Protein backbone atom coordinates (compact mmCIF):
# COMPACT_ATOMS: atom_id res chain seq x y z
CA MET A 1 16.90 17.88 24.55
CA LEU A 2 17.44 16.24 21.13
CA ALA A 3 14.44 17.33 18.83
CA VAL A 4 14.06 15.18 15.85
CA LEU A 5 11.78 16.80 13.11
CA SER A 6 10.65 15.47 10.11
CA LEU A 7 9.82 18.20 7.03
CA GLY A 8 7.87 17.67 3.68
CA SER A 9 6.82 19.57 0.77
CA CYS A 10 5.12 18.43 -2.14
CA MET A 11 4.02 21.92 -3.67
CA GLY A 12 6.43 25.77 -4.91
CA ASP A 13 10.23 24.76 -4.70
CA SER A 14 10.40 21.87 -2.66
CA VAL A 15 13.75 21.78 -2.00
CA ALA A 16 14.57 25.55 -1.06
CA LEU A 17 11.49 25.69 1.30
CA MET A 18 12.60 22.36 3.09
CA ARG A 19 15.80 24.09 3.18
CA ARG A 20 14.54 27.21 4.52
CA ALA A 21 12.92 25.88 7.16
CA ALA A 22 15.69 23.87 8.19
CA GLY A 23 17.83 27.29 8.47
CA MET A 24 14.67 28.86 10.39
CA VAL A 25 14.69 25.56 12.72
CA GLU A 26 18.49 25.81 13.35
CA GLU A 27 18.16 29.73 13.87
CA LEU A 28 15.44 29.30 16.83
CA PRO A 29 16.90 30.81 20.20
CA ARG A 30 18.69 28.80 22.39
CA THR A 31 18.69 25.92 19.45
CA SER A 32 21.86 24.37 17.70
CA PRO A 33 21.99 22.20 14.74
CA VAL A 34 23.02 18.56 15.53
CA ALA A 35 22.40 16.53 11.83
CA ARG A 36 20.58 17.08 8.40
CA SER A 37 19.65 14.09 6.27
CA SER A 38 19.58 13.65 2.87
CA ILE A 39 16.38 14.40 0.87
CA TYR A 40 13.97 11.48 -0.34
CA GLU A 41 11.39 11.37 -2.90
CA THR A 42 8.24 9.27 -1.81
CA ALA A 43 5.00 8.96 -3.03
CA ALA A 44 2.13 9.73 -1.48
CA VAL A 45 0.87 8.22 1.71
CA ASP A 46 -2.60 9.00 3.34
CA VAL A 47 -3.57 11.49 1.16
CA PRO A 48 -7.31 11.83 -0.28
CA GLU A 49 -7.42 10.14 -3.63
CA GLU A 50 -7.33 13.19 -5.53
CA PHE A 51 -3.29 13.61 -4.92
CA LYS A 52 -2.26 9.79 -5.16
CA ASP A 53 0.09 10.70 -7.80
CA LEU A 54 2.01 13.41 -6.01
CA LYS A 55 5.53 12.98 -5.22
CA PHE A 56 6.34 14.44 -1.85
CA LEU A 57 9.78 15.45 -0.77
CA ASN A 58 11.19 14.41 2.70
CA ALA A 59 14.09 14.78 5.22
CA VAL A 60 14.69 14.87 8.53
CA MET A 61 16.78 16.70 11.00
CA ALA A 62 18.03 17.16 14.48
CA VAL A 63 18.34 19.97 16.81
CA GLU A 64 19.60 20.38 20.12
CA THR A 65 17.07 22.59 21.98
CA GLU A 66 16.78 24.26 25.90
CA LEU A 67 12.81 25.15 24.62
CA GLU A 68 10.36 23.91 26.41
CA PRO A 69 7.70 21.29 24.18
CA ALA A 70 5.10 23.48 23.74
CA ALA A 71 7.19 26.60 23.31
CA PHE A 72 9.15 24.88 20.39
CA SER A 73 5.76 23.21 18.69
CA ASP A 74 4.87 26.96 18.90
CA ALA A 75 7.96 28.29 16.71
CA ILE A 76 7.64 25.19 14.05
CA HIS A 77 4.26 26.25 13.59
CA ALA A 78 5.58 29.68 13.13
CA ILE A 79 7.77 28.52 10.57
CA GLU A 80 5.49 26.68 8.77
CA ALA A 81 3.23 30.10 8.59
CA ALA A 82 6.04 32.43 7.84
CA LEU A 83 6.43 29.91 4.48
CA GLY A 84 3.15 30.14 3.64
CA ARG A 85 1.64 26.99 5.49
CA ARG A 86 -2.06 27.23 5.53
CA ARG A 87 -4.29 24.52 7.17
CA SER A 88 -7.49 23.84 5.44
CA GLY A 89 -8.09 21.16 8.01
CA ILE A 90 -8.13 18.45 5.39
CA ARG A 91 -5.89 15.65 6.82
CA HIS A 92 -2.87 14.96 4.58
CA GLU A 93 -3.73 17.42 2.13
CA PRO A 94 -0.66 18.70 -0.43
CA ARG A 95 0.95 21.43 1.45
CA ASN A 96 4.27 23.44 0.41
CA ILE A 97 5.92 22.85 3.95
CA ASP A 98 5.50 20.43 6.78
CA ILE A 99 7.04 20.05 9.79
CA ASP A 100 6.57 17.63 12.65
CA ILE A 101 8.32 17.20 15.73
CA VAL A 102 9.00 13.14 15.48
CA ALA A 103 10.37 12.98 18.80
CA PHE A 104 11.50 15.42 21.58
CA GLY A 105 14.40 13.73 24.04
CA ASP A 106 12.28 11.33 25.85
CA CYS A 107 9.07 13.22 26.04
CA HIS A 108 5.75 11.49 26.18
CA SER A 109 2.32 13.45 24.91
CA ASP A 110 -1.09 12.43 24.52
CA ASP A 111 -2.00 16.25 23.82
CA PRO A 112 -3.97 16.15 20.54
CA ALA A 113 -2.25 19.82 19.45
CA LEU A 114 1.16 17.96 20.42
CA MET A 115 1.51 13.82 20.26
CA LEU A 116 5.12 12.98 21.02
CA PRO A 117 6.94 10.86 19.98
CA HIS A 118 4.86 11.33 16.63
CA PRO A 119 2.40 8.39 16.69
CA GLU A 120 2.93 7.20 12.72
CA ALA A 121 6.48 8.20 12.69
CA ALA A 122 7.67 4.32 13.05
CA ARG A 123 5.36 3.23 10.49
CA ARG A 124 6.63 5.58 7.76
CA ARG A 125 9.84 4.70 5.60
CA PHE A 126 10.36 8.34 4.36
CA VAL A 127 10.86 9.21 8.34
CA MET A 128 12.75 6.28 9.10
CA GLU A 129 15.34 6.40 6.50
CA PRO A 130 16.59 9.62 7.04
CA LEU A 131 16.35 9.17 10.36
CA ALA A 132 18.79 6.05 10.50
CA GLU A 133 20.75 7.86 7.90
CA ILE A 134 21.93 10.80 10.59
CA LEU A 135 21.10 8.83 13.81
CA PRO A 136 21.48 5.15 12.98
CA ASP A 137 21.13 4.07 16.65
CA TYR A 138 18.78 6.46 17.96
CA VAL A 139 15.43 4.68 19.39
CA LEU A 140 12.39 6.39 19.44
CA PRO A 141 10.60 6.67 22.68
CA GLY A 142 8.55 3.55 23.06
CA GLN A 143 9.80 1.83 20.22
CA GLY A 144 12.87 -0.39 21.90
CA LYS A 145 14.61 -0.47 18.43
CA ALA A 146 17.04 1.51 16.69
CA ALA A 147 16.21 3.75 13.81
CA ILE A 148 18.00 1.30 11.18
CA GLU A 149 16.18 -1.41 12.50
CA ILE A 150 12.71 0.15 12.09
CA SER A 151 13.82 1.57 8.55
CA ALA A 152 14.80 -2.29 7.34
CA ALA A 153 11.47 -3.40 8.72
CA LEU A 154 9.66 -0.78 6.39
CA ALA A 155 11.35 -1.67 3.75
CA SER A 156 8.57 -2.34 1.07
CA GLN A 157 7.65 1.19 1.57
CA GLU A 158 9.44 2.94 -1.68
CA VAL A 159 11.13 5.89 -0.94
CA SER A 160 14.32 7.19 -2.91
CA ARG A 161 17.40 9.23 -1.54
CA LEU A 162 18.03 12.10 -3.84
CA ALA A 163 21.50 13.37 -4.40
CA LEU A 164 20.77 16.53 -2.31
CA GLN A 165 21.17 17.62 1.55
CA LEU A 166 18.64 18.99 3.20
């Protein structure tokens, strides 16, 4: 099953944390790498007012996995925890590592613990542009348009591609 992940960070050595997280994902049992995007810098989106000036680093990766969605999600949360992610319950707070499952094959889930595909992915250029970089023709389940088309439609959202690979 193809799993598409969005990685982000705004605290600590963000590049190193994101690269370590990507490596840990690729090392999961019955999981193999497909592609990693460049790293992008973006302004904060949907964060509490006191964090509006933070810059976030974001990237997308894709892996093939034989894990079931719930087991894959549990493994992703374990990677975040191993890298020091602490969840306070404040939505969109600054974090050293954030890994979101953007899509998992053509799976659909409305379970609050694992929403698939990610309900905000197609509205966020910091997800769609790196996705378009590695899988331009990829169609998010339920979207009907390729990643490259969705990314182009979000051009008003500022993102800067850095000369760094995930």
